[in-house]
Structures are given as C-alpha cells and as structure tokens.
Amino acid sequence: MENAELLKDIHPSFHVAATKVYVNEVVQKVNTHGVLQERILIVTNSGIFLLQQRTFPRSYYVSRIIPFSQLVLIIVDESTMQFYCGGVTMKLRHPKHVQIASIVYSVRVGLFGDKPRPAKIEIAESVQDSFGTSDFDFESDSILGDSFLSLALTVPAKKYHADSVAEYREMLKRSQAAIYITPEIASSAYAMAFGWAISLHPELLQLEFDDVSIFSFATILNTILDQSTSLHSLIFKNVSFVGEFQLQPSFKNNMAQTMELTFSQCDLTSNNFFQFFEKLTKFRFDFSALTFDSCTFTITTFDSIMKCITSNKSFENLCKLYFSKLSNISGFVHTTILSLFGSSFMKNSKTIKSLSFVGCGLNVNQIVAGIFRNSTPIEELNLSGNKILMNAEIECITNLHNVTSIDFSECQFTGSSLHTVLSLLSKPIASHINFFGLDKIILDEGGWNLFFNKIKKFSISCRRLSFVGNPMNYQQATAFCEFISKQKSLKEISISTAGFDGPTVELFANCFKSMELDRIDLINEENAQEHASINPIIKAVTCVKVLHLENQGGGENLLNEVQDLAQHGKLIDLCCDGCNPQSINSIYNFCQNLMTTRLSSANWPERDIKNIILKLQIKERGANKQKMEGLKTEFIKRMGSKKKIVPLPSTPVTNKRNVDATLSKRDVNIENIIKECLNIKSGSLKEPLIDALTEINNIISIEYLYADN
C-alpha cells in the first residue's frame, strides 16, 4: 500500500501515533488449495496484518491479524514464510520472504522474549544462512508500552479506541518500575491486555491498586502474580474486598520472590478480605514486609491475620510488621498482640527487625515488656501515638541490646513512666541507638516538671534525638541543654523554637556550638507562638553539615545568615522555607547565590516564593513568575533535588485581547451576558470580560492556584 495514511481507515490501531510500520509489501497468499491470492502484508510493532482488497467500493480490509503476543510458530522454507497463532494461519510468498520473516522474529523476541511461551521457529537449511542477515534492528522507546500495543490487538476493532490505547501506552512508558491500576483501567476493555503486559515486564518492581473493587481486578491480579518474576512490592490502597472472587495460583512461576505487602486505607471488615489474604499466601512469595496503614478491622479479621502471620510459612522471613490507627478495636487487641510475642513464631524468628503500632491508642506497657522479655531480634520499634502510663512492666525489661531505633512520639506518659523509659535507655542493657523520637509527647504539668528536673542525670548512647513539638521556657531549656551536652554520641537533633526568647536562643547557640553537631532541625509549627530571631544559632553552628529550618520567619536577615553559613561553613544539605522575606529580589538572589556554594543539596523555597508573589500587584506577577521559573529549573538541576518541578501560578490575563473580526458577534453576546450578570451599566466597561475576571481573580483565583494539592 503506497499511502500509509490509508491504513488508518483499515484498523483503529493505525491511529495510535506510537504504531510503527516495518513491512508494507504486496505478497501472495497460498490458500488451502495451493492457489495464490494477492494480499498486502503489514508488519508493525504490535502485530502482523494481512489486507485484502474489496471490489466495491474499492478499498482494503483486514482479513487476518496475528498479534505478536500470540505468535507461536514461524516456518521459513525456500519459497514461503508461514506465521501461526491459535486459529489463524498465514502462508505467504514474497521475493524477500526470508528477510521479512527475520523482521517478524526480531520484533517478537524483542517484545516478549520467551514469554508467555517462546515462539518456535523452523528454518529450512537452504535459507538458514540468509535468515537474520537483514539490516533490521528492532528498537523501541518502551518495550512495555509496545507489548501492550500488541496485547491490545486482542480487543475487537469495534471496541478499540485509539486515544485510550495511546494514553495507556504513554502511562506505561512513563512508569517502568512502579505501575498504578486505577478504576478506569480495571473497568476498561484493555484491562487484561494491561495486566498481561505488566505481568511479562521484567523490570516491574511495584504494583499499586488504587480505589478499585476486588471484582474488577482479581483476574488481572491472578495473571500478574502467576507470571511476574520481578515484582517485589504489592500495594492495595482504598480497595474494596466485598463480594466473591477467584484468586488461584497456577504455579507457572516456580521462583520464590521476596514481597512487600501493603494495605492502606482499606476496609478489612469483610470475611472476603481474609479469604483474599490467605489466597495471597498460596502464591510463591516470601513476605519480607507487611503493612496495614489506616485500615478498618474487626476483632475477628485482626485475630485471623495475626494467627496467619504466626503459622504460615510465607511469613517465616518477615522483617517488618506495621500497623497504624487501630482505634476502633484498640480496647480488644492487647491479648492478640501479646500472644504474638509469646508465640513460637516470634521466639524462633531471626529476621523480624522492625515493628510498628502507630497511632493505635494502645496502652503499650505490657507490649513493650513482652517484646524485650522474649529477647526478640527487633531493631526498630515505633509505638508513636500510644500510651505508656505505668512503669511496673517496663522495669522488668532486661535486654535492649538489639534496639537501634525507638519512636515514642505523641505518646501519653506519666512523669514516672517517662522517667523509667529514660532510665532503662541509660543502663548497660541498652545498645547504641541511632534514633530516639519524643516529638509532641503528652504529659501533665507535674509530669513536665519531673521530666525536666530529672532529665539532666540521664546519659543515653544516641546518635539522633527528635524533640519537636515540646515547647520549653528558659529554665526547662537550661535543663535540656545540660542533658544533650552530656550525650557524647549525639550528632543530630530536632527541636521546636516556638516561644523562644532572646536568652533561650543564646542558650541553644552556645550549647550547639560546643557540641559540633552534624545535623540540626529547627522547627516552628504553623500558628505556633512567636519566637526571637534564631540568627545567633545560625552564626554558632559553623560545623553543621545538615540544616533544616521550617517556619522560622526572620526575613532577609535570616536568609543572609543562612547564605553566609553555606558559603563559609561546612554545610552540604539545606532545607529552608517559611522565612517570610518581603522582596522577590531577595529570595531570587538567595537561591542564585546558594548555587555558587559547596552545597550538594537544597530545597526550592516554594512557600516563601508563593507568599511574595501573592503580595505583588497583578501586573507584576507575569514577569516575576517567568523569572522565578527560569531560576527554579536551574536550581533544582544544580542542587540534585528529586522533587517534581511544579510551575508557578499562571498570570491572569489583564492585557487587551487581539479580537478576531469573525468572532465579533460572539464577543458582543459575551459582553451583554457579563453586563447583565454583574449588573453593569452599558458603556461603563471597555472590556467587561477582562475586568470581571480580574475582579474575581483578586478574590479567589490566585489563592486557588496556590492551594496545596
């Protein structure tokens, strides 16, 4: 076919821009009676098409299609080439049939390799030397995307929508290692093609199902779990497990794979969920991490899950177990959790390193004691958002040697129980701790007084301490500084500066200077109490390597101090936003100057830039937007930030429009409608549309453009 544009009328797949045509030749088809019939052979990156000509009206139509995903046999002899798939056979003659067959084989192998099963090829000895000698090299900008194109050919032409196929191919092209299954994909005609494509993809590492029903993806998931040999992370987010389904392994994949399994924001109250959970353990997976984040349980499903974990061989090498927000059943799960630590599973486990019960509202005294009384191998313990109100059980702990990370942030303590925890960590039974989290802990006034009165006597071998969200007055800060200055291993610290007065700032400046810390985080929560300038601290910490400043105010003066530290200190990593400078030039110069320092990483101060632009006159926003966007691209490239570049707000249209004379009638109608809606008298506005948009923009539009996504 001479005109490739005519192909678009023959099959909708030719409307997909990514479709490439490798062969477009007139061939002779050998029918079952040995009679030669003229046909047109089209070989693309999705499949093999055989076209036949109509007599009236004179045109072409597809008489045979073999998607590369279904091509199972190629036979080449001295005079013919033959292509086979289930129910379709093509036996063709062409002067260059050997070269064409070689192209077909190259595309098939390039797209699918030996999956789902290798294509068999039979070549006559007389043509073996010439087979594969063509100059054709199969190239693709996305093997995953092109394999989907081939699999999508199984969809009937009447249901094939080129725009949708092109959109899904582009999605797969962008997402090689991590792929998301959305409701639109799960319910589309291409669901199976999409599922097969990613199941055969050798680089797929993570698969996430987002906001879908189990009915719509069970078959797809079964295919992926059976076929994929590279998948290591499976995530179900806001997924419904209500209803019947079929999920059954066929054991086509004989390799045991390490798998991280996550359920996030899912309703797990249905009996169907546990059936699903059990079915997953039937596949050849060795689960290394199990996460339940903000899910809804019943006591029955929670008990069943815990029993499965302790008895199923799929969890023998579990390294991480994470639960968050069990508030709806928090009063009923203590016994089940405690039974976990008394089980043979936990006693015999040599692999479980990380355990988290976050924001569950549990009284974890017995849980903490149960964990360490049994000498478990746990290294990372996160019990933030719970209660530690009694110390009797905790005092019995005799072994903390394995623990390297403890997070008790947002926990409710009594003064006595917190004192006991710190006392334990100060004893020889504890090992060196890389991280100790005490952010936003809850104590009554008497508890705080006891804490600060006793804290200076403790000596904990800890590298990083996080104490954010706990305001301190000068007297309390004095005790805290005395405590941290005694910690010889302490190299990283995070604190809140809310309410700091001048003397308190000076106190921390002198303390930090004497400690030579590697990292300092100074955090001020939004709407927190105002504080004195932290400039003395910035001047003092010349040896710090990592500095994070959040909502510190200080304006241009603080930016200058930070810039000076970056130029003359040892700083290599900076995160600084919320300084509230007043001038667009000051923040521009600050970012520009940072690029000339020895910093290897720094964040783009999105919030400060947003606030400044909001304060500018509308007519000034366009030029400053372009100015900052140009610098942003350069800044992020230089500083090695992996954050996505988000364009600055669009500038409202405020200039006169170039009105096309052919649109004059429509413009008059728009003008009349706007005048009527806004009750504007005739002749009072030269450009009512522009003026109306400007007025609306002043009220809501710019704020909306800057709203958090």
Foldseek 3Di string as FASTA:
>chain_A
DPDLVLVCVAFVQSVAPQKAWDAWAWWWWQDPVRDTDIWTWTQILFWIFTWDFDPPPTGIYTPDIDGLLFWAEWEEEDFWIWTDGVPDITIIGDPPRLAVSLVSQQSSCLQQNQPPHHRYYHYDPVCVVVRPPDPDHDDDLASLLSQLSNLCVVQDRVQDDSVVSNVVSVQCSVDPAEHEDEQCLLPGPSVQSNLLSNLRRQRHAEYEYEQEECASCQVSVLSSLQRHPRYAEYEYEQYEQPDDDDHAHPCNPVDEEEHAYYYYQYECADPSNVVVVVRVLVGRYQYAHYEYHNYEYDPVSVLSVLVCCQPRRSNLQHAYYEYEAHQVCQVPCPVSLLVSLVGPSQLVRPHHAYYEYELHQHQCLQVVLSNQVSPGLHAAYEDANYEPEDCPSVLPRQAADNHAYYAHAQYEYELVRVVNVLVVQQDPRHHAHAEYHHEHYHYPPVSLVSCLVPQLVGEGRYAEYEHEHDDDEQSSLLSVLSNVLRHLNYAEYEYEQFPAEPVSLLVVLVSLLVNQHQEYEYEHDPPGHAYDQNLSNLVRNLNHAEYEYYLNAQALNVLVSNLVSQARGNYAEYEDENNQHQDLVSLLVSLVSSLVGNHQAYDRHVHNNLVNLLPDDLVPNPVSQVVVLVSVVVSCVSNVDPDDDDRQDDRQDQDDDDDDPVCVVVQVVVVVVLCVVVVNDPPPDPRSVNVVVVVVCNPPVSVVSPDDD
